[in-house]
C-alpha atoms as a PDB file:
ATOM      1  CA  MET A   1      -0.566   4.060  22.739  1.00  0.00           C
ATOM      2  CA  ALA A   2      -1.820   3.967  19.197  1.00  0.00           C
ATOM      3  CA  GLU A   3      -2.162   1.017  18.451  1.00  0.00           C
ATOM      4  CA  PRO A   4      -0.281  -0.170  15.087  1.00  0.00           C
ATOM      5  CA  VAL A   5      -2.534  -0.524  11.655  1.00  0.00           C
ATOM      6  CA  VAL A   6      -2.335  -3.361   9.223  1.00  0.00           C
ATOM      7  CA  LEU A   7      -3.571  -2.522   5.543  1.00  0.00           C
ATOM      8  CA  MET A   8      -3.073  -5.273   2.678  1.00  0.00           C
ATOM      9  CA  ALA A   9      -3.746  -2.709  -1.153  1.00  0.00           C
ATOM     10  CA  THR A  10      -4.475  -4.854  -3.859  1.00  0.00           C
ATOM     11  CA  MET A  11      -4.704  -3.226  -7.186  1.00  0.00           C
ATOM     12  CA  VAL A  12      -5.261  -4.350 -10.427  1.00  0.00           C
ATOM     13  CA  ALA A  13      -4.609  -2.634 -13.558  1.00  0.00           C
ATOM     14  CA  GLU A  14      -6.159  -1.922 -16.965  1.00  0.00           C
ATOM     15  CA  PRO A  15      -5.224  -4.199 -19.844  1.00  0.00           C
ATOM     16  CA  GLY A  16      -2.619  -1.952 -21.160  1.00  0.00           C
ATOM     17  CA  GLN A  17      -2.005   0.001 -18.384  1.00  0.00           C
ATOM     18  CA  GLU A  18       0.419  -2.502 -16.100  1.00  0.00           C
ATOM     19  CA  GLU A  19       3.561  -0.975 -16.705  1.00  0.00           C
ATOM     20  CA  LEU A  20       1.916   3.323 -15.560  1.00  0.00           C
ATOM     21  CA  VAL A  21       0.896   1.392 -12.933  1.00  0.00           C
ATOM     22  CA  GLU A  22       4.075   0.139 -12.004  1.00  0.00           C
ATOM     23  CA  LYS A  23       6.053   3.278 -12.401  1.00  0.00           C
ATOM     24  CA  THR A  24       3.522   5.836 -10.625  1.00  0.00           C
ATOM     25  CA  LEU A  25       3.168   2.940  -7.737  1.00  0.00           C
ATOM     26  CA  THR A  26       7.406   2.749  -7.349  1.00  0.00           C
ATOM     27  CA  ALA A  27       7.965   6.580  -7.598  1.00  0.00           C
ATOM     28  CA  ALA A  28       5.774   7.316  -4.743  1.00  0.00           C
ATOM     29  CA  LEU A  29       7.765   4.748  -2.381  1.00  0.00           C
ATOM     30  CA  ALA A  30      10.919   7.118  -1.160  1.00  0.00           C
ATOM     31  CA  ALA A  31       7.942   9.621  -0.190  1.00  0.00           C
ATOM     32  CA  VAL A  32       5.576   7.213   1.627  1.00  0.00           C
ATOM     33  CA  HIS A  33       8.223   5.709   3.466  1.00  0.00           C
ATOM     34  CA  ALA A  34       9.844   9.450   4.976  1.00  0.00           C
ATOM     35  CA  GLU A  35       6.416   9.698   5.904  1.00  0.00           C
ATOM     36  CA  PRO A  36       5.436  10.293  10.034  1.00  0.00           C
ATOM     37  CA  GLY A  37       3.894   6.593  10.964  1.00  0.00           C
ATOM     38  CA  CYS A  38       4.778   4.862   8.317  1.00  0.00           C
ATOM     39  CA  LEU A  39       6.786   1.184   9.138  1.00  0.00           C
ATOM     40  CA  ARG A  40       6.422  -0.733   6.373  1.00  0.00           C
ATOM     41  CA  TYR A  41       5.082  -0.049   2.786  1.00  0.00           C
ATOM     42  CA  ALA A  42       6.480  -3.189   0.155  1.00  0.00           C
ATOM     43  CA  MET A  43       5.177  -2.916  -3.282  1.00  0.00           C
ATOM     44  CA  HIS A  44       4.742  -6.778  -4.450  1.00  0.00           C
ATOM     45  CA  ARG A  45       3.243  -8.400  -8.089  1.00  0.00           C
ATOM     46  CA  LYS A  46       0.708 -11.034  -7.760  1.00  0.00           C
ATOM     47  CA  ALA A  47       3.065 -14.235  -8.740  1.00  0.00           C
ATOM     48  CA  GLY A  48       2.789 -14.959 -12.626  1.00  0.00           C
ATOM     49  CA  THR A  49       0.737 -11.428 -13.183  1.00  0.00           C
ATOM     50  CA  THR A  50       2.404  -8.438 -14.765  1.00  0.00           C
ATOM     51  CA  GLY A  51      -1.308  -5.996 -13.816  1.00  0.00           C
ATOM     52  CA  GLU A  52      -1.938  -7.075 -10.130  1.00  0.00           C
ATOM     53  CA  PHE A  53      -0.363  -5.576  -7.062  1.00  0.00           C
ATOM     54  CA  VAL A  54      -0.411  -5.970  -3.835  1.00  0.00           C
ATOM     55  CA  VAL A  55       0.968  -3.048  -0.923  1.00  0.00           C
ATOM     56  CA  ILE A  56       1.051  -4.142   2.480  1.00  0.00           C
ATOM     57  CA  GLU A  57       1.171  -1.342   4.366  1.00  0.00           C
ATOM     58  CA  LYS A  58       2.285  -0.856   8.656  1.00  0.00           C
ATOM     59  CA  TRP A  59       0.702   2.441  10.091  1.00  0.00           C
ATOM     60  CA  ALA A  60       1.803   3.641  13.734  1.00  0.00           C
ATOM     61  CA  SER A  61      -1.825   4.251  14.621  1.00  0.00           C
ATOM     62  CA  GLN A  62      -4.712   5.149  12.410  1.00  0.00           C
ATOM     63  CA  GLU A  63      -4.332   8.883  12.054  1.00  0.00           C
ATOM     64  CA  ALA A  64      -1.056   8.735  10.422  1.00  0.00           C
ATOM     65  CA  LEU A  65      -2.714   5.591   7.850  1.00  0.00           C
ATOM     66  CA  GLY A  66      -5.347   8.613   7.686  1.00  0.00           C
ATOM     67  CA  ALA A  67      -2.482  11.379   7.523  1.00  0.00           C
ATOM     68  CA  HIS A  68      -0.951   8.967   4.553  1.00  0.00           C
ATOM     69  CA  MET A  69      -4.346   9.216   2.214  1.00  0.00           C
ATOM     70  CA  LYS A  70      -4.417  12.428   2.565  1.00  0.00           C
ATOM     71  CA  GLY A  71      -1.172  13.226   1.606  1.00  0.00           C
ATOM     72  CA  ALA A  72       0.681  14.911  -1.297  1.00  0.00           C
ATOM     73  CA  ALA A  73       2.012  10.766  -2.870  1.00  0.00           C
ATOM     74  CA  MET A  74      -1.379   9.570  -2.643  1.00  0.00           C
ATOM     75  CA  ARG A  75      -2.972  12.214  -3.881  1.00  0.00           C
ATOM     76  CA  GLU A  76      -0.288  11.993  -7.100  1.00  0.00           C
ATOM     77  CA  VAL A  77      -1.232   8.330  -7.221  1.00  0.00           C
ATOM     78  CA  GLY A  78      -4.152   8.862  -7.475  1.00  0.00           C
ATOM     79  CA  THR A  79      -3.930  11.670 -10.168  1.00  0.00           C
ATOM     80  CA  ALA A  80      -1.844   9.132 -12.399  1.00  0.00           C
ATOM     81  CA  LEU A  81      -3.748   6.511 -11.269  1.00  0.00           C
ATOM     82  CA  ALA A  82      -7.684   7.023 -12.236  1.00  0.00           C
ATOM     83  CA  ARG A  83      -8.303   5.827 -15.016  1.00  0.00           C
ATOM     84  CA  ALA A  84      -5.205   2.764 -15.591  1.00  0.00           C
ATOM     85  CA  LEU A  85      -6.612   0.967 -12.279  1.00  0.00           C
ATOM     86  CA  ALA A  86      -9.729  -1.535 -13.406  1.00  0.00           C
ATOM     87  CA  ALA A  87     -11.395  -1.166 -10.395  1.00  0.00           C
ATOM     88  CA  PRO A  88     -10.741   0.759  -7.048  1.00  0.00           C
ATOM     89  CA  PRO A  89      -7.940  -0.536  -4.939  1.00  0.00           C
ATOM     90  CA  ASP A  90      -9.233  -3.599  -2.610  1.00  0.00           C
ATOM     91  CA  MET A  91      -8.377  -2.662   0.916  1.00  0.00           C
ATOM     92  CA  VAL A  92      -8.212  -5.327   3.507  1.00  0.00           C
ATOM     93  CA  PHE A  93      -7.372  -4.173   7.251  1.00  0.00           C
ATOM     94  CA  LEU A  94      -5.971  -6.698   9.331  1.00  0.00           C
ATOM     95  CA  ASP A  95      -5.623  -8.183  12.742  1.00  0.00           C
ATOM     96  CA  ALA A  96      -2.164  -9.371  13.781  1.00  0.00           C
ATOM     97  CA  ILE A  97      -2.661 -12.649  15.818  1.00  0.00           C
ATOM     98  CA  PRO A  98       0.483 -12.828  17.926  1.00  0.00           C
ATOM     99  CA  ALA A  99       1.820 -15.757  18.484  1.00  0.00           C
ATOM    100  CA  GLY A 100       5.535 -17.301  18.234  1.00  0.00           C
ATOM    101  CA  ASP A 101       8.503 -15.584  17.418  1.00  0.00           C
ATOM    102  CA  PRO A 102       7.109 -11.900  17.993  1.00  0.00           C
ATOM    103  CA  ASP A 103       9.638 -10.111  15.155  1.00  0.00           C
ATOM    104  CA  ALA A 104       8.901 -13.538  12.666  1.00  0.00           C
ATOM    105  CA  GLY A 105       5.179 -14.227  13.869  1.00  0.00           C
ATOM    106  CA  ALA A 106       4.058 -11.038  12.599  1.00  0.00           C
ATOM    107  CA  VAL A 107       4.202  -7.389   9.695  1.00  0.00           C
END
């Protein structure tokens, strides 16, 4: 059985592009949630900011994440945000450290 993949993607909007970035990411949520292997795709904003966005993702496998990254929703997001982000998204892959309650202790 494939291991789930958890990652945190951080995106920083160029000044004046905050609304475009938020609307673009929000518009993609339904399509991403419907993708095979999507276990979690939750968008957040860094507290106290208007233009720093963090997406917490959990995919059923590396293959599911790979399909997501090449899928229509991410192509549309990439095109829409090509000039709206200050830098490419910072993607951090996470390894779980199982402890405590299995439901509360892991993403």
